[in-house]
N, C-alpha and C. Protein backbone atom coordinates (compact mmCIF):
# COMPACT_ATOMS: atom_id res chain seq x y z
N MET A 1 22.93 5.43 95.97
CA MET A 1 22.88 5.08 94.59
C MET A 1 23.05 6.49 93.77
N PHE A 2 22.95 6.33 92.53
CA PHE A 2 22.90 7.59 91.67
C PHE A 2 21.93 8.39 91.57
N LYS A 3 21.66 9.66 91.23
CA LYS A 3 20.39 10.40 91.06
C LYS A 3 20.51 11.21 89.86
N ALA A 4 19.43 11.60 89.38
CA ALA A 4 19.50 12.41 88.08
C ALA A 4 20.44 13.77 88.17
N GLY A 5 21.32 13.79 87.28
CA GLY A 5 22.19 15.02 87.16
C GLY A 5 23.78 14.75 87.79
N ASP A 6 23.69 13.51 88.31
CA ASP A 6 25.11 13.23 88.59
C ASP A 6 25.98 13.07 87.46
N LEU A 7 27.13 13.31 87.70
CA LEU A 7 28.12 13.28 86.55
C LEU A 7 28.89 11.71 86.93
N VAL A 8 29.09 10.90 85.82
CA VAL A 8 29.72 9.65 86.14
C VAL A 8 30.55 9.24 84.82
N ARG A 9 31.45 8.10 85.40
CA ARG A 9 32.08 7.47 84.22
C ARG A 9 31.83 5.99 84.24
N HIS A 10 31.89 5.27 83.08
CA HIS A 10 31.71 3.80 83.03
C HIS A 10 32.95 3.21 83.15
N SER A 11 33.27 2.56 84.20
CA SER A 11 34.81 2.04 84.58
C SER A 11 35.18 0.91 83.28
N SER A 12 34.28 0.27 82.68
CA SER A 12 34.49 -0.60 81.47
C SER A 12 34.50 -0.11 80.07
N LYS A 13 34.03 1.20 80.11
CA LYS A 13 34.09 1.93 78.88
C LYS A 13 34.34 3.19 78.80
N PRO A 14 35.79 3.47 79.23
CA PRO A 14 36.37 4.93 79.22
C PRO A 14 36.08 5.52 77.98
N GLU A 15 35.95 4.94 76.74
CA GLU A 15 35.97 5.76 75.49
C GLU A 15 34.57 6.54 75.33
N TRP A 16 33.55 6.13 76.47
CA TRP A 16 32.23 6.62 76.26
C TRP A 16 32.49 8.23 76.97
N GLY A 17 33.25 8.45 77.56
CA GLY A 17 33.59 9.93 78.27
C GLY A 17 32.68 9.96 79.65
N ILE A 18 32.50 11.20 79.73
CA ILE A 18 31.98 11.59 81.10
C ILE A 18 30.54 11.24 80.59
N GLY A 19 29.52 10.81 81.54
CA GLY A 19 27.88 10.67 81.62
C GLY A 19 27.14 11.46 82.39
N ARG A 20 25.87 11.77 82.19
CA ARG A 20 25.03 12.51 83.10
C ARG A 20 24.00 11.44 83.23
N VAL A 21 23.66 11.29 84.54
CA VAL A 21 22.39 10.40 84.97
C VAL A 21 21.38 11.20 84.61
N THR A 22 20.40 10.60 83.81
CA THR A 22 19.14 11.46 83.27
C THR A 22 17.69 10.85 84.00
N GLY A 23 17.99 9.80 84.61
CA GLY A 23 16.98 9.37 85.35
C GLY A 23 16.91 8.05 85.92
N GLN A 24 15.85 7.42 86.67
CA GLN A 24 16.05 6.31 87.17
C GLN A 24 14.51 5.63 86.95
N THR A 25 14.44 4.29 86.91
CA THR A 25 13.14 3.75 86.60
C THR A 25 12.75 3.24 88.05
N VAL A 26 11.38 2.75 88.10
CA VAL A 26 10.71 2.50 89.35
C VAL A 26 11.48 1.09 89.86
N GLU A 27 12.10 0.30 88.79
CA GLU A 27 12.66 -0.85 89.08
C GLU A 27 14.22 -0.55 89.63
N GLY A 28 14.60 0.75 89.68
CA GLY A 28 16.01 0.90 90.08
C GLY A 28 16.96 0.94 88.96
N LYS A 29 16.33 0.83 87.77
CA LYS A 29 17.56 1.06 86.52
C LYS A 29 17.79 2.41 86.31
N VAL A 30 19.22 2.73 85.89
CA VAL A 30 19.62 3.82 85.77
C VAL A 30 19.87 4.20 84.29
N LEU A 31 19.35 5.29 83.92
CA LEU A 31 19.45 6.03 82.75
C LEU A 31 20.61 7.02 82.43
N VAL A 32 21.61 6.71 81.63
CA VAL A 32 22.80 7.61 81.45
C VAL A 32 22.98 8.10 79.98
N LYS A 33 23.28 9.35 79.67
CA LYS A 33 23.62 9.79 78.53
C LYS A 33 25.10 10.13 78.66
N PHE A 34 26.01 9.34 77.77
CA PHE A 34 27.48 9.53 77.76
C PHE A 34 27.77 10.57 76.65
N SER A 35 29.04 11.37 76.94
CA SER A 35 29.27 12.56 75.99
C SER A 35 29.79 11.88 74.69
N ALA A 36 30.39 10.94 74.69
CA ALA A 36 31.10 10.38 73.57
C ALA A 36 30.29 9.06 72.90
N ARG A 37 29.01 8.88 73.28
CA ARG A 37 28.43 7.65 72.65
C ARG A 37 26.88 8.05 72.29
N ALA A 38 26.54 7.56 71.14
CA ALA A 38 25.17 8.08 70.65
C ALA A 38 24.08 7.15 71.39
N GLY A 39 23.13 7.70 71.76
CA GLY A 39 22.16 7.05 72.59
C GLY A 39 22.33 6.92 73.94
N ASP A 40 21.13 6.60 74.82
CA ASP A 40 21.29 6.59 76.24
C ASP A 40 21.48 5.11 76.56
N VAL A 41 22.20 4.87 77.76
CA VAL A 41 22.45 3.52 78.12
C VAL A 41 21.49 3.56 79.66
N LEU A 42 21.03 2.14 79.65
CA LEU A 42 20.15 1.63 80.64
C LEU A 42 20.94 0.67 81.51
N LEU A 43 21.03 0.85 82.65
CA LEU A 43 21.73 -0.12 83.46
C LEU A 43 20.91 -0.56 84.82
N THR A 44 21.13 -1.91 84.97
CA THR A 44 20.18 -2.34 86.05
C THR A 44 21.09 -1.93 87.51
N ALA A 45 20.22 -1.83 88.60
CA ALA A 45 20.94 -1.14 89.65
C ALA A 45 22.24 -2.01 90.01
N ASP A 46 22.38 -3.12 89.81
CA ASP A 46 23.60 -3.93 90.09
C ASP A 46 24.60 -3.51 88.88
N GLY A 47 24.33 -3.26 87.92
CA GLY A 47 25.22 -2.91 86.75
C GLY A 47 25.70 -1.43 86.85
N ALA A 48 24.86 -0.52 87.52
CA ALA A 48 25.22 0.76 87.71
C ALA A 48 26.23 0.74 88.91
N ALA A 49 25.79 0.08 90.07
CA ALA A 49 26.72 0.05 91.06
C ALA A 49 28.05 -0.77 90.80
N LYS A 50 28.24 -1.55 89.86
CA LYS A 50 29.30 -2.34 89.64
C LYS A 50 29.98 -1.49 88.53
N HIS A 51 29.63 -0.83 87.58
CA HIS A 51 30.32 0.09 86.73
C HIS A 51 30.49 1.34 86.62
N LEU A 52 29.52 1.91 87.26
CA LEU A 52 29.52 3.55 87.21
C LEU A 52 30.48 4.00 88.37
N VAL A 53 31.14 5.08 88.12
CA VAL A 53 32.01 5.66 89.10
C VAL A 53 31.63 7.04 89.14
N ALA A 54 31.60 7.95 90.06
CA ALA A 54 31.16 9.28 90.21
C ALA A 54 32.42 9.92 89.22
N ASP A 55 32.09 11.14 88.78
CA ASP A 55 33.09 11.94 88.29
C ASP A 55 33.00 13.31 88.98
N THR A 56 34.18 13.84 89.23
CA THR A 56 34.23 15.24 89.65
C THR A 56 33.99 16.32 88.83
N GLY A 57 33.50 16.16 87.53
CA GLY A 57 33.04 17.16 86.64
C GLY A 57 34.25 18.00 86.21
N THR A 58 35.54 17.74 86.13
CA THR A 58 36.60 18.57 85.74
C THR A 58 36.62 18.28 84.30
N GLY A 59 36.46 17.08 83.68
CA GLY A 59 36.19 16.88 82.20
C GLY A 59 35.41 17.67 81.58
N TRP A 60 34.47 18.07 82.16
CA TRP A 60 33.22 18.91 81.44
C TRP A 60 33.96 20.38 81.14
N GLN A 61 34.73 20.88 81.92
CA GLN A 61 35.34 22.15 81.82
C GLN A 61 36.43 22.25 80.79
N SER A 62 37.28 20.97 80.94
CA SER A 62 38.59 20.98 80.10
C SER A 62 38.20 20.98 78.48
N ASN A 63 37.03 20.55 78.04
CA ASN A 63 36.69 20.56 76.79
C ASN A 63 35.40 20.78 76.37
N PRO A 64 35.34 22.14 75.72
CA PRO A 64 34.30 23.03 75.38
C PRO A 64 33.09 22.21 74.54
N THR A 65 33.61 21.31 73.76
CA THR A 65 32.42 20.54 72.91
C THR A 65 31.79 19.59 73.94
N THR A 66 32.51 18.85 74.91
CA THR A 66 31.57 18.26 75.94
C THR A 66 30.81 19.03 76.84
N LEU A 67 31.25 20.19 77.05
CA LEU A 67 30.30 20.98 77.69
C LEU A 67 29.07 21.39 77.36
N ARG A 68 29.11 21.77 75.78
CA ARG A 68 27.89 21.86 75.08
C ARG A 68 27.01 20.47 75.08
N ARG A 69 27.51 19.52 75.05
CA ARG A 69 26.91 18.18 74.90
C ARG A 69 26.07 18.07 76.21
N ALA A 70 26.80 18.29 77.30
CA ALA A 70 26.36 18.24 78.61
C ALA A 70 25.30 19.16 78.76
N ALA A 71 25.31 20.31 78.39
CA ALA A 71 23.95 21.28 78.31
C ALA A 71 22.79 20.70 77.58
N ALA A 72 23.06 20.02 76.81
CA ALA A 72 22.04 19.54 75.76
C ALA A 72 21.33 18.38 76.56
N VAL A 73 22.18 17.54 77.31
CA VAL A 73 21.73 16.35 78.05
C VAL A 73 20.75 16.94 79.16
N GLY A 74 20.97 18.08 79.77
CA GLY A 74 20.31 18.49 80.80
C GLY A 74 18.77 18.85 80.58
N ARG A 75 18.43 18.98 79.09
CA ARG A 75 17.17 19.67 78.69
C ARG A 75 16.04 18.61 78.75
């Protein structure tokens, strides 16, 4: 499954950009902060498995604005 710090993309919402997993609840829900979406997204374990795709991280380096947002997410 996904763990805090993993870079992901939402397969159904490419406009949200790259996301960083910020945490997981005891129920297995996954909390993600996406670079182009306001607010965090909370997905069930099934929803995360179905919709989240691991990202290689190349998008973070190609866009300086996204990189700054990524740094803010990790705080």
